[in-house]
C-alpha atoms as a PDB file:
ATOM      1  CA  UNK A   1      52.597 181.560  60.500  1.00  0.00           C
ATOM      2  CA  UNK A   2      56.115 180.341  59.706  1.00  0.00           C
ATOM      3  CA  UNK A   3      57.397 181.331  56.289  1.00  0.00           C
ATOM      4  CA  UNK A   4      57.907 178.384  53.899  1.00  0.00           C
ATOM      5  CA  UNK A   5      61.473 177.690  52.791  1.00  0.00           C
ATOM      6  CA  UNK A   6      62.391 178.641  49.213  1.00  0.00           C
ATOM      7  CA  UNK A   7      65.277 176.927  47.402  1.00  0.00           C
ATOM      8  CA  UNK A   8      66.807 179.259  44.823  1.00  0.00           C
ATOM      9  CA  UNK A   9      68.423 177.439  41.899  1.00  0.00           C
ATOM     10  CA  UNK A  10      71.396 179.199  40.284  1.00  0.00           C
ATOM     11  CA  UNK A  11      73.770 177.702  37.698  1.00  0.00           C
ATOM     12  CA  UNK A  12      77.120 179.436  37.157  1.00  0.00           C
ATOM     13  CA  UNK A  13      79.750 179.249  34.465  1.00  0.00           C
ATOM     14  CA  UNK A  14      82.463 181.911  34.111  1.00  0.00           C
ATOM     15  CA  UNK A  15      80.147 184.383  35.834  1.00  0.00           C
ATOM     16  CA  UNK A  16      82.768 186.433  37.705  1.00  0.00           C
ATOM     17  CA  UNK A  17      81.495 189.685  36.158  1.00  0.00           C
ATOM     18  CA  UNK A  18      77.934 189.261  37.438  1.00  0.00           C
ATOM     19  CA  UNK A  19      77.623 186.716  40.255  1.00  0.00           C
ATOM     20  CA  UNK A  20      78.326 189.072  43.170  1.00  0.00           C
ATOM     21  CA  UNK A  21      75.510 191.422  42.109  1.00  0.00           C
ATOM     22  CA  UNK A  22      73.171 188.491  41.577  1.00  0.00           C
ATOM     23  CA  UNK A  23      73.812 187.081  45.057  1.00  0.00           C
ATOM     24  CA  UNK A  24      73.473 190.521  46.655  1.00  0.00           C
ATOM     25  CA  UNK A  25      70.065 190.982  45.010  1.00  0.00           C
ATOM     26  CA  UNK A  26      68.993 187.733  46.710  1.00  0.00           C
ATOM     27  CA  UNK A  27      70.504 188.636  50.079  1.00  0.00           C
ATOM     28  CA  UNK A  28      68.459 191.854  50.294  1.00  0.00           C
ATOM     29  CA  UNK A  29      65.132 190.065  49.784  1.00  0.00           C
ATOM     30  CA  UNK A  30      62.461 191.103  52.281  1.00  0.00           C
ATOM     31  CA  UNK A  31      61.443 187.410  52.367  1.00  0.00           C
ATOM     32  CA  UNK A  32      64.500 185.903  54.011  1.00  0.00           C
ATOM     33  CA  UNK A  33      63.665 182.223  54.536  1.00  0.00           C
ATOM     34  CA  UNK A  34      65.617 180.928  51.559  1.00  0.00           C
ATOM     35  CA  UNK A  35      68.614 178.819  50.624  1.00  0.00           C
ATOM     36  CA  UNK A  36      70.701 179.562  47.546  1.00  0.00           C
ATOM     37  CA  UNK A  37      71.851 176.386  45.798  1.00  0.00           C
ATOM     38  CA  UNK A  38      74.575 177.250  43.301  1.00  0.00           C
ATOM     39  CA  UNK A  39      75.989 174.608  40.989  1.00  0.00           C
ATOM     40  CA  UNK A  40      79.066 175.754  39.120  1.00  0.00           C
ATOM     41  CA  UNK A  41      79.518 174.163  35.697  1.00  0.00           C
ATOM     42  CA  UNK A  42      83.328 173.892  35.910  1.00  0.00           C
ATOM     43  CA  UNK A  43      84.195 177.601  35.621  1.00  0.00           C
ATOM     44  CA  UNK A  44      87.713 178.570  34.522  1.00  0.00           C
ATOM     45  CA  UNK A  45      87.616 182.151  35.856  1.00  0.00           C
ATOM     46  CA  UNK A  46      87.233 183.469  39.439  1.00  0.00           C
ATOM     47  CA  UNK A  47      83.533 182.603  39.812  1.00  0.00           C
ATOM     48  CA  UNK A  48      84.089 179.892  42.431  1.00  0.00           C
ATOM     49  CA  UNK A  49      86.428 182.055  44.518  1.00  0.00           C
ATOM     50  CA  UNK A  50      83.915 184.924  44.543  1.00  0.00           C
ATOM     51  CA  UNK A  51      81.098 182.626  45.652  1.00  0.00           C
ATOM     52  CA  UNK A  52      83.217 181.035  48.388  1.00  0.00           C
ATOM     53  CA  UNK A  53      84.147 184.450  49.795  1.00  0.00           C
ATOM     54  CA  UNK A  54      80.477 185.443  50.046  1.00  0.00           C
ATOM     55  CA  UNK A  55      79.516 182.005  51.347  1.00  0.00           C
ATOM     56  CA  UNK A  56      81.751 182.464  54.401  1.00  0.00           C
ATOM     57  CA  UNK A  57      79.425 185.250  55.602  1.00  0.00           C
ATOM     58  CA  UNK A  58      76.099 183.624  54.707  1.00  0.00           C
ATOM     59  CA  UNK A  59      75.375 179.997  55.601  1.00  0.00           C
ATOM     60  CA  UNK A  60      72.249 180.002  53.416  1.00  0.00           C
ATOM     61  CA  UNK A  61      74.497 179.812  50.333  1.00  0.00           C
ATOM     62  CA  UNK A  62      75.521 176.323  49.244  1.00  0.00           C
ATOM     63  CA  UNK A  63      77.996 175.657  46.434  1.00  0.00           C
ATOM     64  CA  UNK A  64      78.359 172.523  44.330  1.00  0.00           C
ATOM     65  CA  UNK A  65      80.997 172.156  41.604  1.00  0.00           C
ATOM     66  CA  UNK A  66      80.606 170.002  38.500  1.00  0.00           C
ATOM     67  CA  UNK A  67      83.679 167.912  37.551  1.00  0.00           C
ATOM     68  CA  UNK A  68      83.314 168.981  33.914  1.00  0.00           C
ATOM     69  CA  UNK A  69      81.155 171.342  31.857  1.00  0.00           C
ATOM     70  CA  UNK A  70      77.735 169.869  31.062  1.00  0.00           C
ATOM     71  CA  UNK A  71      75.459 172.850  30.493  1.00  0.00           C
ATOM     72  CA  UNK A  72      73.081 174.992  32.531  1.00  0.00           C
ATOM     73  CA  UNK A  73      70.293 172.411  32.520  1.00  0.00           C
ATOM     74  CA  UNK A  74      72.487 169.782  34.185  1.00  0.00           C
ATOM     75  CA  UNK A  75      73.749 172.362  36.698  1.00  0.00           C
ATOM     76  CA  UNK A  76      70.216 173.445  37.580  1.00  0.00           C
ATOM     77  CA  UNK A  77      69.124 169.831  37.970  1.00  0.00           C
ATOM     78  CA  UNK A  78      71.957 169.146  40.389  1.00  0.00           C
ATOM     79  CA  UNK A  79      70.762 172.015  42.590  1.00  0.00           C
ATOM     80  CA  UNK A  80      67.134 170.892  42.304  1.00  0.00           C
ATOM     81  CA  UNK A  81      68.170 167.417  43.490  1.00  0.00           C
ATOM     82  CA  UNK A  82      69.623 168.998  46.669  1.00  0.00           C
ATOM     83  CA  UNK A  83      66.529 171.090  47.451  1.00  0.00           C
ATOM     84  CA  UNK A  84      64.295 169.984  50.310  1.00  0.00           C
ATOM     85  CA  UNK A  85      62.086 173.071  50.490  1.00  0.00           C
ATOM     86  CA  UNK A  86      58.459 173.540  49.545  1.00  0.00           C
ATOM     87  CA  UNK A  87      59.179 176.109  46.842  1.00  0.00           C
ATOM     88  CA  UNK A  88      61.708 176.015  43.994  1.00  0.00           C
ATOM     89  CA  UNK A  89      62.750 179.379  42.505  1.00  0.00           C
ATOM     90  CA  UNK A  90      65.174 180.135  39.686  1.00  0.00           C
ATOM     91  CA  UNK A  91      67.679 182.964  39.372  1.00  0.00           C
ATOM     92  CA  UNK A  92      70.380 182.844  36.714  1.00  0.00           C
ATOM     93  CA  UNK A  93      73.882 184.014  37.535  1.00  0.00           C
ATOM     94  CA  UNK A  94      73.683 187.254  35.538  1.00  0.00           C
ATOM     95  CA  UNK A  95      70.120 188.238  36.476  1.00  0.00           C
ATOM     96  CA  UNK A  96      68.889 190.383  39.373  1.00  0.00           C
ATOM     97  CA  UNK A  97      65.839 190.432  41.624  1.00  0.00           C
ATOM     98  CA  UNK A  98      64.109 193.455  43.083  1.00  0.00           C
ATOM     99  CA  UNK A  99      64.034 193.316  46.922  1.00  0.00           C
ATOM    100  CA  UNK A 100      60.346 192.359  47.250  1.00  0.00           C
ATOM    101  CA  UNK A 101      60.389 189.738  44.498  1.00  0.00           C
ATOM    102  CA  UNK A 102      60.138 186.670  46.726  1.00  0.00           C
ATOM    103  CA  UNK A 103      57.736 188.259  49.205  1.00  0.00           C
ATOM    104  CA  UNK A 104      55.270 189.412  46.547  1.00  0.00           C
ATOM    105  CA  UNK A 105      55.435 186.227  44.533  1.00  0.00           C
ATOM    106  CA  UNK A 106      55.056 183.813  47.453  1.00  0.00           C
ATOM    107  CA  UNK A 107      52.081 185.856  48.704  1.00  0.00           C
ATOM    108  CA  UNK A 108      50.575 185.730  45.204  1.00  0.00           C
ATOM    109  CA  UNK A 109      51.009 181.937  45.038  1.00  0.00           C
ATOM    110  CA  UNK A 110      49.500 181.322  48.469  1.00  0.00           C
ATOM    111  CA  UNK A 111      46.626 183.790  47.978  1.00  0.00           C
ATOM    112  CA  UNK A 112      45.646 182.305  44.618  1.00  0.00           C
ATOM    113  CA  UNK A 113      46.346 178.675  45.629  1.00  0.00           C
ATOM    114  CA  UNK A 114      48.451 177.934  42.548  1.00  0.00           C
ATOM    115  CA  UNK A 115      51.456 175.647  42.115  1.00  0.00           C
ATOM    116  CA  UNK A 116      53.397 177.569  39.453  1.00  0.00           C
ATOM    117  CA  UNK A 117      53.959 181.299  39.088  1.00  0.00           C
ATOM    118  CA  UNK A 118      55.937 183.728  36.922  1.00  0.00           C
ATOM    119  CA  UNK A 119      56.197 187.512  36.659  1.00  0.00           C
ATOM    120  CA  UNK A 120      56.881 190.251  34.162  1.00  0.00           C
ATOM    121  CA  UNK A 121      60.505 191.344  33.797  1.00  0.00           C
ATOM    122  CA  UNK A 122      62.845 193.989  32.420  1.00  0.00           C
ATOM    123  CA  UNK A 123      65.536 193.159  29.860  1.00  0.00           C
ATOM    124  CA  UNK A 124      68.852 194.917  30.463  1.00  0.00           C
ATOM    125  CA  UNK A 125      72.216 194.998  28.704  1.00  0.00           C
ATOM    126  CA  UNK A 126      75.701 194.803  30.208  1.00  0.00           C
ATOM    127  CA  UNK A 127      75.567 198.527  30.988  1.00  0.00           C
ATOM    128  CA  UNK A 128      72.409 197.987  33.065  1.00  0.00           C
ATOM    129  CA  UNK A 129      70.323 199.902  30.529  1.00  0.00           C
ATOM    130  CA  UNK A 130      66.729 198.687  30.153  1.00  0.00           C
ATOM    131  CA  UNK A 131      66.261 197.674  26.520  1.00  0.00           C
ATOM    132  CA  UNK A 132      62.844 195.992  26.767  1.00  0.00           C
ATOM    133  CA  UNK A 133      59.954 195.369  29.155  1.00  0.00           C
ATOM    134  CA  UNK A 134      58.304 191.961  28.880  1.00  0.00           C
ATOM    135  CA  UNK A 135      54.755 191.976  30.197  1.00  0.00           C
ATOM    136  CA  UNK A 136      53.919 188.376  30.979  1.00  0.00           C
ATOM    137  CA  UNK A 137      50.406 187.059  30.378  1.00  0.00           C
ATOM    138  CA  UNK A 138      48.129 187.186  33.416  1.00  0.00           C
ATOM    139  CA  UNK A 139      46.838 183.731  32.441  1.00  0.00           C
ATOM    140  CA  UNK A 140      48.800 181.132  30.501  1.00  0.00           C
ATOM    141  CA  UNK A 141      47.750 177.770  29.080  1.00  0.00           C
ATOM    142  CA  UNK A 142      49.679 174.842  27.648  1.00  0.00           C
ATOM    143  CA  UNK A 143      48.399 175.708  24.166  1.00  0.00           C
ATOM    144  CA  UNK A 144      49.746 179.273  24.394  1.00  0.00           C
ATOM    145  CA  UNK A 145      53.069 178.110  25.814  1.00  0.00           C
ATOM    146  CA  UNK A 146      53.505 175.797  22.830  1.00  0.00           C
ATOM    147  CA  UNK A 147      53.626 178.873  20.583  1.00  0.00           C
ATOM    148  CA  UNK A 148      56.293 180.734  22.513  1.00  0.00           C
ATOM    149  CA  UNK A 149      58.115 180.854  25.831  1.00  0.00           C
ATOM    150  CA  UNK A 150      56.372 183.738  27.571  1.00  0.00           C
ATOM    151  CA  UNK A 151      58.096 182.919  30.877  1.00  0.00           C
ATOM    152  CA  UNK A 152      61.432 184.347  32.000  1.00  0.00           C
ATOM    153  CA  UNK A 153      63.428 181.652  33.800  1.00  0.00           C
ATOM    154  CA  UNK A 154      64.504 183.895  36.689  1.00  0.00           C
ATOM    155  CA  UNK A 155      60.866 184.830  37.385  1.00  0.00           C
ATOM    156  CA  UNK A 156      59.600 181.301  38.089  1.00  0.00           C
ATOM    157  CA  UNK A 157      58.628 179.678  41.384  1.00  0.00           C
ATOM    158  CA  UNK A 158      56.913 176.294  41.643  1.00  0.00           C
ATOM    159  CA  UNK A 159      55.495 174.351  44.581  1.00  0.00           C
ATOM    160  CA  UNK A 160      57.114 170.928  44.716  1.00  0.00           C
ATOM    161  CA  UNK A 161      54.740 169.823  47.488  1.00  0.00           C
ATOM    162  CA  UNK A 162      52.059 169.828  44.769  1.00  0.00           C
ATOM    163  CA  UNK A 163      53.977 169.163  41.557  1.00  0.00           C
ATOM    164  CA  UNK A 164      56.753 166.980  42.911  1.00  0.00           C
ATOM    165  CA  UNK A 165      60.402 167.504  42.052  1.00  0.00           C
ATOM    166  CA  UNK A 166      60.586 168.322  38.350  1.00  0.00           C
ATOM    167  CA  UNK A 167      63.869 168.489  36.457  1.00  0.00           C
ATOM    168  CA  UNK A 168      64.907 170.302  33.290  1.00  0.00           C
ATOM    169  CA  UNK A 169      65.546 168.463  30.018  1.00  0.00           C
ATOM    170  CA  UNK A 170      69.311 168.236  29.585  1.00  0.00           C
ATOM    171  CA  UNK A 171      69.773 170.151  26.345  1.00  0.00           C
ATOM    172  CA  UNK A 172      72.167 173.093  26.065  1.00  0.00           C
ATOM    173  CA  UNK A 173      69.521 175.781  25.558  1.00  0.00           C
ATOM    174  CA  UNK A 174      65.761 176.256  25.951  1.00  0.00           C
ATOM    175  CA  UNK A 175      65.724 173.661  28.736  1.00  0.00           C
ATOM    176  CA  UNK A 176      63.699 176.068  30.870  1.00  0.00           C
ATOM    177  CA  UNK A 177      60.948 176.284  28.244  1.00  0.00           C
ATOM    178  CA  UNK A 178      60.988 172.486  27.994  1.00  0.00           C
ATOM    179  CA  UNK A 179      60.481 172.276  31.739  1.00  0.00           C
ATOM    180  CA  UNK A 180      57.568 174.724  31.694  1.00  0.00           C
ATOM    181  CA  UNK A 181      55.886 172.631  28.979  1.00  0.00           C
ATOM    182  CA  UNK A 182      56.327 169.473  31.071  1.00  0.00           C
ATOM    183  CA  UNK A 183      54.743 171.250  34.053  1.00  0.00           C
ATOM    184  CA  UNK A 184      51.899 172.751  32.009  1.00  0.00           C
ATOM    185  CA  UNK A 185      51.010 169.311  30.678  1.00  0.00           C
ATOM    186  CA  UNK A 186      50.108 168.581  34.308  1.00  0.00           C
ATOM    187  CA  UNK A 187      48.514 171.813  35.434  1.00  0.00           C
ATOM    188  CA  UNK A 188      47.031 172.984  32.053  1.00  0.00           C
ATOM    189  CA  UNK A 189      46.821 176.610  33.188  1.00  0.00           C
ATOM    190  CA  UNK A 190      48.549 179.019  35.566  1.00  0.00           C
ATOM    191  CA  UNK A 191      48.705 182.699  36.422  1.00  0.00           C
ATOM    192  CA  UNK A 192      51.407 185.342  36.472  1.00  0.00           C
ATOM    193  CA  UNK A 193      52.079 188.365  38.635  1.00  0.00           C
ATOM    194  CA  UNK A 194      51.940 191.292  36.238  1.00  0.00           C
ATOM    195  CA  UNK A 195      54.753 193.260  37.835  1.00  0.00           C
ATOM    196  CA  UNK A 196      58.396 193.646  36.817  1.00  0.00           C
ATOM    197  CA  UNK A 197      60.336 192.057  39.678  1.00  0.00           C
ATOM    198  CA  UNK A 198      63.370 190.714  37.784  1.00  0.00           C
ATOM    199  CA  UNK A 199      66.094 192.139  35.562  1.00  0.00           C
ATOM    200  CA  UNK A 200      67.030 189.682  32.822  1.00  0.00           C
ATOM    201  CA  UNK A 201      70.461 190.409  31.354  1.00  0.00           C
ATOM    202  CA  UNK A 202      70.749 189.976  27.587  1.00  0.00           C
ATOM    203  CA  UNK A 203      74.373 189.210  26.775  1.00  0.00           C
ATOM    204  CA  UNK A 204      75.802 189.503  23.280  1.00  0.00           C
ATOM    205  CA  UNK A 205      77.619 186.147  23.394  1.00  0.00           C
ATOM    206  CA  UNK A 206      74.833 183.991  24.870  1.00  0.00           C
ATOM    207  CA  UNK A 207      73.195 181.104  23.035  1.00  0.00           C
ATOM    208  CA  UNK A 208      69.835 182.878  23.188  1.00  0.00           C
ATOM    209  CA  UNK A 209      71.303 185.872  21.332  1.00  0.00           C
ATOM    210  CA  UNK A 210      72.409 183.617  18.449  1.00  0.00           C
ATOM    211  CA  UNK A 211      69.298 183.317  16.276  1.00  0.00           C
ATOM    212  CA  UNK A 212      70.515 180.251  14.316  1.00  0.00           C
ATOM    213  CA  UNK A 213      71.245 178.292  17.502  1.00  0.00           C
ATOM    214  CA  UNK A 214      67.968 179.536  18.994  1.00  0.00           C
ATOM    215  CA  UNK A 215      66.049 178.055  16.059  1.00  0.00           C
ATOM    216  CA  UNK A 216      67.922 174.758  16.417  1.00  0.00           C
ATOM    217  CA  UNK A 217      67.138 174.377  20.117  1.00  0.00           C
ATOM    218  CA  UNK A 218      63.514 175.440  19.701  1.00  0.00           C
ATOM    219  CA  UNK A 219      63.089 172.672  17.141  1.00  0.00           C
ATOM    220  CA  UNK A 220      64.696 170.226  19.566  1.00  0.00           C
ATOM    221  CA  UNK A 221      62.140 171.143  22.244  1.00  0.00           C
ATOM    222  CA  UNK A 222      59.319 170.122  19.903  1.00  0.00           C
ATOM    223  CA  UNK A 223      61.077 167.047  18.505  1.00  0.00           C
ATOM    224  CA  UNK A 224      63.075 165.623  21.437  1.00  0.00           C
ATOM    225  CA  UNK A 225      61.109 166.771  24.488  1.00  0.00           C
ATOM    226  CA  UNK A 226      57.532 166.746  23.168  1.00  0.00           C
ATOM    227  CA  UNK A 227      58.239 163.861  20.727  1.00  0.00           C
ATOM    228  CA  UNK A 228      56.636 165.522  17.712  1.00  0.00           C
ATOM    229  CA  UNK A 229      57.677 164.189  14.306  1.00  0.00           C
ATOM    230  CA  UNK A 230      59.990 166.274  12.114  1.00  0.00           C
ATOM    231  CA  UNK A 231      57.182 167.825  10.046  1.00  0.00           C
ATOM    232  CA  UNK A 232      55.071 168.806  13.055  1.00  0.00           C
ATOM    233  CA  UNK A 233      58.166 170.138  14.853  1.00  0.00           C
ATOM    234  CA  UNK A 234      58.997 172.328  11.850  1.00  0.00           C
ATOM    235  CA  UNK A 235      55.402 173.580  11.659  1.00  0.00           C
ATOM    236  CA  UNK A 236      55.393 174.547  15.344  1.00  0.00           C
ATOM    237  CA  UNK A 237      58.793 176.196  14.868  1.00  0.00           C
ATOM    238  CA  UNK A 238      57.337 178.549  12.254  1.00  0.00           C
ATOM    239  CA  UNK A 239      54.484 179.414  14.623  1.00  0.00           C
ATOM    240  CA  UNK A 240      57.021 179.966  17.388  1.00  0.00           C
ATOM    241  CA  UNK A 241      59.111 182.370  15.287  1.00  0.00           C
ATOM    242  CA  UNK A 242      56.061 184.530  14.575  1.00  0.00           C
ATOM    243  CA  UNK A 243      55.184 184.842  18.254  1.00  0.00           C
ATOM    244  CA  UNK A 244      58.846 185.236  19.278  1.00  0.00           C
ATOM    245  CA  UNK A 245      59.305 188.344  17.157  1.00  0.00           C
ATOM    246  CA  UNK A 246      55.899 189.621  18.255  1.00  0.00           C
ATOM    247  CA  UNK A 247      56.900 189.263  21.921  1.00  0.00           C
ATOM    248  CA  UNK A 248      60.374 190.753  21.650  1.00  0.00           C
ATOM    249  CA  UNK A 249      59.850 193.394  18.992  1.00  0.00           C
ATOM    250  CA  UNK A 250      56.127 194.038  18.970  1.00  0.00           C
ATOM    251  CA  UNK A 251      53.398 193.528  21.545  1.00  0.00           C
ATOM    252  CA  UNK A 252      55.634 192.326  24.411  1.00  0.00           C
ATOM    253  CA  UNK A 253      53.552 189.269  25.234  1.00  0.00           C
ATOM    254  CA  UNK A 254      50.351 191.151  26.087  1.00  0.00           C
ATOM    255  CA  UNK A 255      48.082 188.115  26.214  1.00  0.00           C
ATOM    256  CA  UNK A 256      45.139 187.845  28.566  1.00  0.00           C
END
């Protein structure tokens, strides 16, 4: 049987330090029927030049360049709009995949007849030292996802033949979590592959590492994307913070 095509969605912005490793981790996948759709968010470093040099040797890599900086959500959505494959996968420009990531996850999706899938992942720092292991829930519902984002962006694959083409809310952070919530409103429940197949890089200067900004964007997910009123959004934010610290500093999302 012919392998289905997977479109890999990667946003870049000043990623010259990491992008070569990220692309190489995709190129060594044992599942090789993929296209890599990179949208650069108007980088000012050598990111674009690095991508173009790799692109010359691999026609599966496609590069799109934004005329001005608009954020990762907008960049991802541009790549999603160009994708004509059955499956949409995400890999951020500083993350890495293990070689059998696509093969194992596509097999898991097809075997279990599901439309959305995620995996466990390892958190690394800039020195490639593992600083945390996030064990994703084997089963996840919309109600659980409301409490916390248990899904690493670079672990996700969804079937657009079933779900249609779904785009991320265009906010500067937490747009991935907003997208998962939109999807889970449709599917209600999905299942994860309980195996670490991705390295998520935690960078000191990222929005997600800034706790004040993280709180702000989490509140915006409840208020702007889910349309909760200010009181309800604040209440869910307090619930979120409890489960966030439990996931990252306690039980590592061990929910079944």
